């Protein structure tokens, strides 16, 4: 009895070697289409075109070629059912025991800049997913391969048939994962192309979402050693690891937070983070000067933290940073001399942001009980033209500059967030407290621990002061100006407290909660 294998692939990696083994070691008869058939024939392998096998020509520019009962009947026929076998014999349908298909490169096509809509549509595979799904449904009898990396496993199982059943089920699962992600990519592309009048009503959020990410890395553990974890998606397409230990779950969270934060700044800037919160941020004319000011904010928290810079990191700063223990350092570039300095610290993870600093994710997804929350990423700082001075005293130009710097930083501090700033340097940060006044007290205490003077500083609050106590605490610490969203029912009390203390205060009208 003839054993048929149907091969039709876009990615031809390893195909010839695999097909050769099928023919010469396992006695398969090859069916194929188009470029795959031509390649196999050129390599001297006996191959039958699908159109010859079905007796039906390819048509409509190749859109219709494998959508035929002789193909899908050969895949879906259950070998354990006599009526299935009788129907196949009656209609001249040969059974197909092996299918090797990978799909038109839709994702790669739409990722190209300025791709035309028609080209994208023509790269939607129809016959490929249909054959894969038919074969996967009947995986008790049919081996289905959608990934060239599985060729060796298939050949090994053929040599040891006892292993074939378990492998077939694994390969069938892989097929449905692949076709699911393929359909998701197509749906996502078409959503972006919509120009219907109701698009505004959708607000970028479709009625249904399907999340499909390929496993990129199994992590040593999650947030804690007793939790298992893995990384999915394209994180490694955005960052290149130059050296150091494997990234941890917490490292990846910190790198993400650090990259979003540093993307707010254009001047040479250094940010030091711990547990996704900034503990020191500064801008200056050089990275070396920015480092001195950022590190001065808190000389304890950076131990085991994350450092990110937005300009090329050179040898001088590398030598300075190398004096403290750091988990991860991120930069758009490292000089060769800097890399040589860091190379002495074998466990230190050096990360290059491949596409430059300032990741541009459009939406954020967080898991909750029974589902996920999806929101637009908080990319705006608000419009300075809309900011309102609500006190009797106007801020000085220096206070304005400091306020805008602090406003950028506090947006990336966990709520409740209070940030004290002078110039383009953080002086004290309070994060994650249940009462805003407590965040203020912590920030004052941290500044005192660092020996930094708060007299004449600016205080930034990512959300409104619900009571005057937070502002009063800032004034007592030495702050002369405050920036906050406003919007409390007690705004008048807060404004009065500022006026009584000669403070200037600005309402932005926009909030930056970060949970």
Protein backbone atom coordinates (compact mmCIF):
# COMPACT_ATOMS: atom_id res chain seq x y z
CA UNK A 1 0.00 0.00 0.00
CA UNK A 2 1.38 3.38 -1.04
CA UNK A 3 2.24 5.75 1.82
CA UNK A 4 1.72 9.37 0.86
CA UNK A 5 3.36 12.44 2.36
CA UNK A 6 2.16 15.90 1.32
CA UNK A 7 4.78 18.65 1.48
CA UNK A 8 3.97 22.31 0.77
CA UNK A 9 6.05 24.91 2.59
CA UNK A 10 7.09 28.55 2.48
CA UNK A 11 10.07 28.02 4.79
CA UNK A 12 12.17 25.39 3.03
CA UNK A 13 14.80 25.08 5.77
CA UNK A 14 15.86 21.43 6.06
CA UNK A 15 13.10 20.28 3.71
CA UNK A 16 15.24 18.48 1.14
CA UNK A 17 17.06 16.44 3.78
CA UNK A 18 13.78 15.55 5.48
CA UNK A 19 12.09 14.58 2.20
CA UNK A 20 15.09 12.49 1.19
CA UNK A 21 14.82 10.52 4.43
CA UNK A 22 11.09 10.03 3.90
CA UNK A 23 11.64 8.55 0.45
CA UNK A 24 14.81 6.54 0.92
CA UNK A 25 14.44 5.34 4.51
CA UNK A 26 10.68 5.13 5.00
CA UNK A 27 9.30 4.56 1.49
CA UNK A 28 6.99 7.54 1.20
CA UNK A 29 5.56 8.84 -2.05
CA UNK A 30 5.78 12.63 -2.14
CA UNK A 31 2.92 14.94 -3.10
CA UNK A 32 3.66 18.62 -3.42
CA UNK A 33 2.77 21.97 -4.99
CA UNK A 34 4.41 24.92 -6.71
CA UNK A 35 7.88 25.94 -5.57
CA UNK A 36 8.14 23.08 -3.10
CA UNK A 37 7.54 20.51 -5.85
CA UNK A 38 10.08 22.21 -8.12
CA UNK A 39 12.74 22.20 -5.40
CA UNK A 40 12.24 18.51 -4.64
CA UNK A 41 12.35 17.61 -8.33
CA UNK A 42 15.52 19.66 -8.83
CA UNK A 43 17.14 17.65 -6.03
CA UNK A 44 16.30 14.41 -7.83
CA UNK A 45 13.46 13.29 -5.59
CA UNK A 46 10.38 11.65 -7.15
CA UNK A 47 7.44 13.97 -6.54
CA UNK A 48 3.85 14.11 -7.81
CA UNK A 49 2.11 17.46 -8.23
CA UNK A 50 -1.12 17.75 -6.24
CA UNK A 51 -3.01 18.74 -9.40
CA UNK A 52 -1.92 15.48 -11.02
CA UNK A 53 -2.94 13.53 -7.91
CA UNK A 54 -6.40 15.11 -7.72
CA UNK A 55 -6.98 15.33 -11.45
CA UNK A 56 -7.98 18.94 -10.91
CA UNK A 57 -5.81 21.84 -12.08
CA UNK A 58 -4.59 24.69 -9.93
CA UNK A 59 -6.59 27.82 -10.69
CA UNK A 60 -7.22 31.44 -9.71
CA UNK A 61 -3.51 32.22 -9.40
CA UNK A 62 -2.95 29.25 -7.09
CA UNK A 63 -5.74 30.15 -4.68
CA UNK A 64 -7.39 26.79 -5.36
CA UNK A 65 -5.13 23.77 -5.46
CA UNK A 66 -5.28 21.65 -2.28
CA UNK A 67 -8.94 22.38 -1.41
CA UNK A 68 -10.12 19.06 -2.84
CA UNK A 69 -11.79 15.89 -1.46
CA UNK A 70 -8.84 13.77 -2.56
CA UNK A 71 -6.65 15.82 -0.26
CA UNK A 72 -8.92 16.40 2.73
CA UNK A 73 -10.56 12.99 2.43
CA UNK A 74 -7.08 11.44 2.51
CA UNK A 75 -6.31 13.42 5.66
CA UNK A 76 -9.59 13.11 7.56
CA UNK A 77 -10.43 9.46 6.86
CA UNK A 78 -10.42 7.52 10.13
CA UNK A 79 -8.48 4.31 9.69
CA UNK A 80 -10.47 2.59 12.46
CA UNK A 81 -13.87 3.09 10.77
CA UNK A 82 -14.81 0.69 7.97
CA UNK A 83 -17.36 3.10 6.49
CA UNK A 84 -14.66 5.82 6.21
CA UNK A 85 -12.32 3.39 4.48
CA UNK A 86 -15.08 2.19 2.17
CA UNK A 87 -15.95 5.76 1.17
CA UNK A 88 -12.30 6.49 0.44
CA UNK A 89 -12.03 3.38 -1.76
CA UNK A 90 -15.30 4.13 -3.53
CA UNK A 91 -14.17 7.63 -4.49
CA UNK A 92 -10.56 6.80 -5.29
CA UNK A 93 -9.14 8.68 -2.30
CA UNK A 94 -5.63 7.66 -1.28
CA UNK A 95 -4.83 8.03 2.42
CA UNK A 96 -2.23 10.63 3.33
CA UNK A 97 -0.19 9.71 6.40
CA UNK A 98 2.10 12.73 6.72
CA UNK A 99 1.60 16.45 6.09
CA UNK A 100 4.35 19.06 6.15
CA UNK A 101 3.01 22.59 5.77
CA UNK A 102 4.13 25.99 6.97
CA UNK A 103 2.10 29.02 6.11
CA UNK A 104 2.44 32.00 3.82
CA UNK A 105 4.53 34.58 5.70
CA UNK A 106 1.66 36.90 6.61
CA UNK A 107 3.25 38.30 9.78
CA UNK A 108 6.52 39.08 8.01
CA UNK A 109 4.65 40.64 5.08
CA UNK A 110 2.62 43.10 7.16
CA UNK A 111 5.69 43.93 9.26
CA UNK A 112 7.36 45.45 6.18
CA UNK A 113 7.16 49.24 5.97
CA UNK A 114 4.51 50.60 3.59
CA UNK A 115 3.15 47.18 2.65
CA UNK A 116 0.21 47.43 0.28
CA UNK A 117 -3.14 46.09 1.47
CA UNK A 118 -3.47 43.82 -1.58
CA UNK A 119 -0.09 42.21 -0.89
CA UNK A 120 -1.13 41.57 2.70
CA UNK A 121 -4.38 39.94 1.61
CA UNK A 122 -2.63 37.71 -0.93
CA UNK A 123 -0.38 36.46 1.88
CA UNK A 124 -3.33 35.09 3.82
CA UNK A 125 -2.93 31.33 3.49
CA UNK A 126 -6.15 29.34 3.03
CA UNK A 127 -5.12 25.89 1.85
CA UNK A 128 -2.25 25.60 4.31
CA UNK A 129 -4.27 26.09 7.51
CA UNK A 130 -7.01 23.87 6.09
CA UNK A 131 -4.60 20.97 5.52
CA UNK A 132 -2.94 21.48 8.88
CA UNK A 133 -6.26 21.48 10.72
CA UNK A 134 -7.54 18.40 8.87
CA UNK A 135 -4.35 16.49 9.61
CA UNK A 136 -4.24 17.66 13.23
CA UNK A 137 -7.85 16.65 13.82
CA UNK A 138 -6.96 13.13 12.62
CA UNK A 139 -3.63 12.98 14.45
CA UNK A 140 -4.35 9.44 15.65
CA UNK A 141 -3.39 8.37 12.12
CA UNK A 142 -1.71 11.38 10.51
CA UNK A 143 1.59 13.02 11.42
CA UNK A 144 1.42 16.77 10.89
CA UNK A 145 4.44 19.09 10.89
CA UNK A 146 4.20 22.89 10.80
CA UNK A 147 7.68 23.73 12.10
CA UNK A 148 10.97 22.67 10.43
CA UNK A 149 12.55 22.28 13.85
CA UNK A 150 10.40 19.15 14.33
CA UNK A 151 11.79 17.23 11.35
CA UNK A 152 14.43 15.41 13.39
CA UNK A 153 11.91 14.38 16.06
CA UNK A 154 9.58 12.96 13.40
CA UNK A 155 12.34 10.91 11.81
CA UNK A 156 13.43 9.62 15.21
CA UNK A 157 9.86 8.56 16.04
CA UNK A 158 9.50 6.81 12.69
CA UNK A 159 12.52 4.74 13.64
CA UNK A 160 10.82 3.89 16.95
CA UNK A 161 7.07 3.66 16.18
CA UNK A 162 6.15 3.31 19.88
CA UNK A 163 6.95 7.00 20.25
CA UNK A 164 4.92 8.15 17.26
CA UNK A 165 1.52 8.40 18.94
CA UNK A 166 2.66 10.78 21.68
CA UNK A 167 4.59 12.87 19.16
CA UNK A 168 1.55 13.15 16.86
CA UNK A 169 -0.55 14.58 19.67
CA UNK A 170 2.17 17.08 20.54
CA UNK A 171 2.47 18.11 16.89
CA UNK A 172 -1.32 18.48 16.57
CA UNK A 173 -1.35 20.84 19.55
CA UNK A 174 1.41 22.85 17.91
CA UNK A 175 -0.67 23.12 14.73
CA UNK A 176 -3.68 24.60 16.51
CA UNK A 177 -1.43 27.00 18.40
CA UNK A 178 0.11 28.09 15.11
CA UNK A 179 -3.15 28.47 13.18
CA UNK A 180 -4.63 30.33 16.16
CA UNK A 181 -1.77 32.83 16.23
CA UNK A 182 -1.95 33.16 12.44
CA UNK A 183 -5.64 34.06 12.53
CA UNK A 184 -4.99 36.48 15.38
CA UNK A 185 -2.33 38.26 13.34
CA UNK A 186 -4.69 38.59 10.39
CA UNK A 187 -7.50 39.93 12.57
CA UNK A 188 -5.15 42.43 14.23
CA UNK A 189 -3.97 43.68 10.83
CA UNK A 190 -7.49 44.08 9.49
CA UNK A 191 -8.57 45.93 12.64
CA UNK A 192 -5.80 48.46 12.02
CA UNK A 193 -6.96 48.91 8.43
CA UNK A 194 -10.55 49.66 9.37
CA UNK A 195 -11.92 52.95 8.14
CA UNK A 196 -15.55 52.35 9.05
CA UNK A 197 -17.52 55.18 10.74
CA UNK A 198 -17.85 53.14 13.91
CA UNK A 199 -14.07 52.90 14.39
CA UNK A 200 -14.12 55.75 16.90
CA UNK A 201 -16.70 53.86 18.90
CA UNK A 202 -14.36 50.88 19.07
CA UNK A 203 -11.64 53.11 20.59
CA UNK A 204 -9.03 50.59 19.55
CA UNK A 205 -10.61 47.82 21.62
CA UNK A 206 -12.33 45.06 19.60
CA UNK A 207 -15.25 43.06 20.97
CA UNK A 208 -13.00 40.01 21.30
CA UNK A 209 -9.26 39.68 21.69
CA UNK A 210 -7.04 36.66 21.16
CA UNK A 211 -3.58 36.74 22.66
CA UNK A 212 -0.97 34.61 20.97
CA UNK A 213 2.68 34.80 21.94
CA UNK A 214 5.45 32.34 21.23
CA UNK A 215 7.46 31.17 24.21
CA UNK A 216 10.76 33.03 24.08
CA UNK A 217 12.41 31.77 27.23
CA UNK A 218 11.76 29.56 30.22
CA UNK A 219 12.83 31.57 33.27
CA UNK A 220 14.60 30.14 36.30
CA UNK A 221 11.61 31.16 38.42
CA UNK A 222 9.05 33.95 38.78
CA UNK A 223 8.94 36.77 41.28
CA UNK A 224 9.95 34.25 43.94
CA UNK A 225 11.89 30.96 43.72
CA UNK A 226 8.80 28.83 44.38
CA UNK A 227 6.98 30.29 41.32
CA UNK A 228 7.55 28.90 37.83
CA UNK A 229 7.65 31.41 34.98
CA UNK A 230 8.30 31.89 31.27
CA UNK A 231 8.70 34.82 28.89
CA UNK A 232 6.48 35.02 25.80
CA UNK A 233 6.60 37.40 22.86
CA UNK A 234 9.27 39.53 21.20
CA UNK A 235 11.11 41.03 24.18
CA UNK A 236 14.44 39.83 22.77
CA UNK A 237 13.79 41.63 19.50
CA UNK A 238 13.93 44.92 21.42
CA UNK A 239 16.98 44.16 23.58
CA UNK A 240 20.30 42.42 23.04
CA UNK A 241 22.07 40.95 26.05
CA UNK A 242 25.82 41.44 25.72
CA UNK A 243 26.91 39.60 28.85
CA UNK A 244 25.85 38.35 32.25
CA UNK A 245 23.51 35.84 33.82
CA UNK A 246 20.21 34.87 32.28
CA UNK A 247 17.51 37.49 32.78
CA UNK A 248 15.08 36.85 35.62
CA UNK A 249 11.35 37.54 35.81
CA UNK A 250 12.02 40.61 37.98
CA UNK A 251 14.83 41.82 35.70
CA UNK A 252 12.44 41.87 32.75
CA UNK A 253 9.85 43.88 34.70
CA UNK A 254 12.54 46.34 35.80
CA UNK A 255 13.95 46.70 32.29
CA UNK A 256 10.48 47.48 30.95
CA UNK A 257 9.83 50.13 33.61
CA UNK A 258 13.29 51.65 33.14
CA UNK A 259 12.89 51.87 29.37
CA UNK A 260 9.53 53.62 29.60
CA UNK A 261 10.94 56.09 32.13
CA UNK A 262 14.10 57.03 30.26
CA UNK A 263 12.09 57.55 27.08
CA UNK A 264 10.71 60.77 28.62
CA UNK A 265 14.10 62.52 28.34
CA UNK A 266 16.29 63.83 25.53
CA UNK A 267 19.19 65.41 27.44
CA UNK A 268 21.81 62.99 28.79
CA UNK A 269 19.91 61.26 31.59
CA UNK A 270 20.59 58.52 34.11
CA UNK A 271 17.85 56.66 35.98
CA UNK A 272 18.40 54.16 38.77
CA UNK A 273 15.49 51.83 39.59
CA UNK A 274 14.66 49.23 42.20
CA UNK A 275 11.56 47.04 42.09
CA UNK A 276 10.31 49.04 39.06
CA UNK A 277 10.42 52.33 41.02
CA UNK A 278 12.97 55.05 40.25
CA UNK A 279 15.18 55.82 43.24
CA UNK A 280 17.28 58.45 41.48
CA UNK A 281 16.92 60.33 38.18
CA UNK A 282 18.92 63.25 36.80
CA UNK A 283 19.66 65.02 33.53
CA UNK A 284 22.81 67.02 32.79
CA UNK A 285 25.12 68.04 29.97
CA UNK A 286 26.97 64.71 30.26
CA UNK A 287 26.05 61.25 31.48
CA UNK A 288 28.84 61.44 34.05
CA UNK A 289 27.32 64.57 35.60
CA UNK A 290 23.83 63.06 35.43
CA UNK A 291 25.08 59.93 37.20
CA UNK A 292 26.55 61.92 40.10
CA UNK A 293 23.22 63.69 40.68
CA UNK A 294 21.06 60.57 40.22
CA UNK A 295 23.22 58.47 42.53
CA UNK A 296 23.26 61.26 45.13
CA UNK A 297 19.49 60.88 45.56
CA UNK A 298 19.90 57.50 47.23
CA UNK A 299 23.20 55.72 47.73
CA UNK A 300 21.64 52.61 49.32
CA UNK A 301 18.74 51.59 47.07
CA UNK A 302 20.88 51.24 43.88
CA UNK A 303 22.57 48.17 45.42
CA UNK A 304 21.32 45.32 43.23
CA UNK A 305 19.26 47.73 41.13
CA UNK A 306 18.83 48.67 37.49
CA UNK A 307 20.69 51.51 35.77
CA UNK A 308 19.57 52.95 32.44
CA UNK A 309 21.05 55.75 30.34
CA UNK A 310 19.83 57.33 27.13
CA UNK A 311 23.20 58.08 25.46
CA UNK A 312 26.28 56.01 24.70
CA UNK A 313 27.86 54.72 27.90
CA UNK A 314 31.63 55.21 27.85
CA UNK A 315 34.63 54.01 29.82
CA UNK A 316 34.68 56.77 32.46
CA UNK A 317 31.12 56.22 33.62
CA UNK A 318 31.58 52.46 33.33
CA UNK A 319 34.45 52.57 35.83
CA UNK A 320 32.35 54.62 38.24
CA UNK A 321 29.30 52.37 38.00
CA UNK A 322 31.44 49.24 38.29
CA UNK A 323 32.28 50.22 41.87
CA UNK A 324 28.76 49.28 43.04
CA UNK A 325 26.82 46.03 42.70
CA UNK A 326 24.25 46.32 39.92
CA UNK A 327 21.97 43.70 38.39
CA UNK A 328 21.36 45.24 34.96
CA UNK A 329 22.71 48.18 32.95
CA UNK A 330 20.80 49.34 29.85
CA UNK A 331 22.02 51.74 27.17
CA UNK A 332 21.45 52.39 23.49
CA UNK A 333 25.18 51.71 22.99
CA UNK A 334 28.29 50.79 25.00
CA UNK A 335 31.79 51.75 23.86
CA UNK A 336 34.28 48.91 23.51
CA UNK A 337 36.22 50.34 26.45
CA UNK A 338 33.09 50.34 28.63
CA UNK A 339 32.37 46.74 27.70
CA UNK A 340 35.91 45.79 28.67
CA UNK A 341 35.38 47.35 32.10
CA UNK A 342 32.08 45.57 32.66
CA UNK A 343 33.43 42.27 31.33
CA UNK A 344 35.23 41.82 34.65
CA UNK A 345 31.82 41.48 36.31
CA UNK A 346 30.71 38.19 34.78
CA UNK A 347 27.22 38.16 36.30
CA UNK A 348 26.37 41.76 35.37
CA UNK A 349 23.75 41.87 32.66
CA UNK A 350 24.46 44.41 29.93
CA UNK A 351 21.49 45.18 27.72
CA UNK A 352 21.45 47.15 24.47
CA UNK A 353 18.14 48.71 23.49
CA UNK A 354 18.23 47.72 19.81
CA UNK A 355 15.78 50.27 18.45
CA UNK A 356 16.92 53.09 20.73
CA UNK A 357 15.67 54.13 24.12
CA UNK A 358 11.95 54.71 24.64
CA UNK A 359 9.81 51.65 23.92
CA UNK A 360 6.61 52.50 22.10
CA UNK A 361 4.06 49.93 23.22
CA UNK A 362 0.56 51.17 22.39
CA UNK A 363 -1.40 49.11 24.88
CA UNK A 364 -0.85 47.35 28.18
CA UNK A 365 -2.43 44.08 29.25
CA UNK A 366 -2.70 42.86 32.83
CA UNK A 367 -4.22 39.64 34.06
CA UNK A 368 -7.10 39.73 36.52
CA UNK A 369 -9.37 37.05 37.92
CA UNK A 370 -11.30 35.61 35.00
CA UNK A 371 -9.72 37.70 32.26
CA UNK A 372 -7.47 40.60 31.36
CA UNK A 373 -7.52 44.38 31.54
CA UNK A 374 -6.40 46.25 28.42
CA UNK A 375 -5.59 49.95 28.35
CA UNK A 376 -3.70 52.46 26.26
CA UNK A 377 -0.21 53.05 27.59
CA UNK A 378 0.15 56.31 29.51
CA UNK A 379 2.27 58.19 26.97
CA UNK A 380 1.21 61.78 27.57
CA UNK A 381 2.47 64.27 30.13
CA UNK A 382 -0.38 66.65 29.38
CA UNK A 383 -0.20 69.93 27.53
CA UNK A 384 1.77 72.61 29.35
CA UNK A 385 -0.44 75.25 27.71
CA UNK A 386 -3.34 73.78 29.67
CA UNK A 387 -1.52 73.81 33.02
CA UNK A 388 -2.94 76.43 35.39
CA UNK A 389 -1.19 78.41 38.11
CA UNK A 390 -3.79 78.42 40.90
CA UNK A 391 -1.88 80.34 43.58
CA UNK A 392 -1.23 84.02 44.10
CA UNK A 393 2.47 83.57 43.42
CA UNK A 394 3.64 82.59 39.94
CA UNK A 395 6.40 79.98 39.63
CA UNK A 396 9.83 81.28 38.66
CA UNK A 397 11.37 80.03 35.40
CA UNK A 398 13.65 77.77 37.45
CA UNK A 399 10.68 76.34 39.31
CA UNK A 400 8.88 75.71 36.02
CA UNK A 401 11.86 73.73 34.71
CA UNK A 402 12.10 71.71 37.92
CA UNK A 403 8.35 71.06 37.97
CA UNK A 404 8.35 69.69 34.44
CA UNK A 405 11.29 67.43 35.26
CA UNK A 406 9.58 66.17 38.41
CA UNK A 407 6.32 65.67 36.53
CA UNK A 408 8.09 63.34 34.10
CA UNK A 409 9.60 61.31 36.92
CA UNK A 410 6.54 61.01 39.19
CA UNK A 411 4.54 59.59 36.28
CA UNK A 412 6.73 56.47 36.62
CA UNK A 413 6.61 56.13 40.41
CA UNK A 414 4.07 53.75 41.97
CA UNK A 415 1.07 55.53 43.50
CA UNK A 416 0.84 57.28 45.83
CA UNK A 417 3.87 59.09 44.42
CA UNK A 418 5.70 62.15 45.71
CA UNK A 419 8.92 63.41 44.11
CA UNK A 420 11.10 66.29 45.33
CA UNK A 421 13.24 67.91 42.68
CA UNK A 422 15.74 70.71 42.26
CA UNK A 423 16.71 71.60 38.72
CA UNK A 424 16.96 68.34 36.82
CA UNK A 425 17.77 66.15 39.82
CA UNK A 426 15.56 64.10 42.10
CA UNK A 427 16.14 64.79 45.80
CA UNK A 428 13.71 62.41 47.44
CA UNK A 429 11.06 59.97 46.27
CA UNK A 430 8.14 58.41 48.13
CA UNK A 431 6.25 55.57 46.45
CA UNK A 432 3.39 53.17 46.95
CA UNK A 433 1.97 54.46 50.23
CA UNK A 434 -1.68 54.27 51.19
CA UNK A 435 -1.71 57.95 52.29
CA UNK A 436 -0.15 60.65 50.14
CA UNK A 437 1.20 62.47 53.19
CA UNK A 438 3.13 59.30 54.10
CA UNK A 439 4.75 59.26 50.63
CA UNK A 440 5.78 62.86 51.24
CA UNK A 441 7.26 62.02 54.63
CA UNK A 442 9.21 59.11 53.18
CA UNK A 443 10.57 61.30 50.38
CA UNK A 444 11.66 63.91 52.94
CA UNK A 445 13.30 61.22 55.06
CA UNK A 446 15.14 59.74 52.04
CA UNK A 447 16.45 63.19 51.09
CA UNK A 448 17.67 63.68 54.65
CA UNK A 449 19.38 60.28 54.61
CA UNK A 450 21.19 61.34 51.44
CA UNK A 451 22.17 64.70 52.96
CA UNK A 452 20.23 66.64 50.32
CA UNK A 453 18.71 70.02 51.18
CA UNK A 454 15.02 70.42 50.28
CA UNK A 455 14.86 74.16 50.89
CA UNK A 456 13.87 75.78 47.60
CA UNK A 457 12.85 72.46 46.03
CA UNK A 458 9.80 71.60 43.94
CA UNK A 459 7.39 68.80 44.83
CA UNK A 460 5.53 66.75 42.20
CA UNK A 461 2.49 64.59 42.95
CA UNK A 462 1.15 62.24 40.29
CA UNK A 463 -2.41 62.60 41.62
CA UNK A 464 -4.32 65.25 43.53
CA UNK A 465 -3.66 66.24 47.14
CA UNK A 466 -6.92 65.10 48.78
CA UNK A 467 -6.16 67.18 51.87
CA UNK A 468 -3.90 70.09 52.64
CA UNK A 469 -1.71 67.93 54.92
CA UNK A 470 0.45 66.61 52.07
CA UNK A 471 1.16 70.07 50.75
CA UNK A 472 1.83 71.42 54.24
CA UNK A 473 4.34 68.61 54.83
CA UNK A 474 6.07 69.57 51.59
CA UNK A 475 6.20 73.23 52.62
CA UNK A 476 7.61 72.32 56.03
CA UNK A 477 10.30 70.31 54.27
CA UNK A 478 11.31 73.39 52.27
CA UNK A 479 9.46 73.05 48.97
CA UNK A 480 8.49 76.38 47.41
CA UNK A 481 6.43 75.08 44.49
CA UNK A 482 4.14 72.16 43.73
CA UNK A 483 2.76 70.51 40.62
CA UNK A 484 -0.27 68.22 40.82
CA UNK A 485 -3.39 67.37 38.78
CA UNK A 486 -5.91 69.15 40.99
CA UNK A 487 -9.53 68.07 41.11
CA UNK A 488 -10.05 67.45 44.83
CA UNK A 489 -13.23 68.62 46.54
CA UNK A 490 -10.78 70.34 48.92
CA UNK A 491 -8.74 72.08 46.23
CA UNK A 492 -9.57 75.45 47.77
CA UNK A 493 -8.13 74.33 51.11
CA UNK A 494 -4.96 73.10 49.41
CA UNK A 495 -4.62 76.36 47.43
CA UNK A 496 -5.17 78.39 50.60
CA UNK A 497 -2.46 76.39 52.40
CA UNK A 498 -0.07 77.09 49.53
CA UNK A 499 -0.88 80.81 49.53
CA UNK A 500 -0.41 81.05 53.30
CA UNK A 501 3.07 79.64 52.90
CA UNK A 502 4.05 81.68 49.85
CA UNK A 503 4.16 78.60 47.59
CA UNK A 504 3.38 78.55 43.90
CA UNK A 505 1.24 75.68 42.68
CA UNK A 506 0.29 74.39 39.23
CA UNK A 507 -2.68 72.19 38.34
CA UNK A 508 -2.05 70.01 35.28
CA UNK A 509 -5.58 68.65 34.91
CA UNK A 510 -4.16 65.20 34.11
CA UNK A 511 -3.51 62.33 36.53
CA UNK A 512 -0.81 59.64 36.39
CA UNK A 513 -1.90 56.82 38.71
CA UNK A 514 0.45 53.84 38.50
CA UNK A 515 -0.72 50.68 40.26
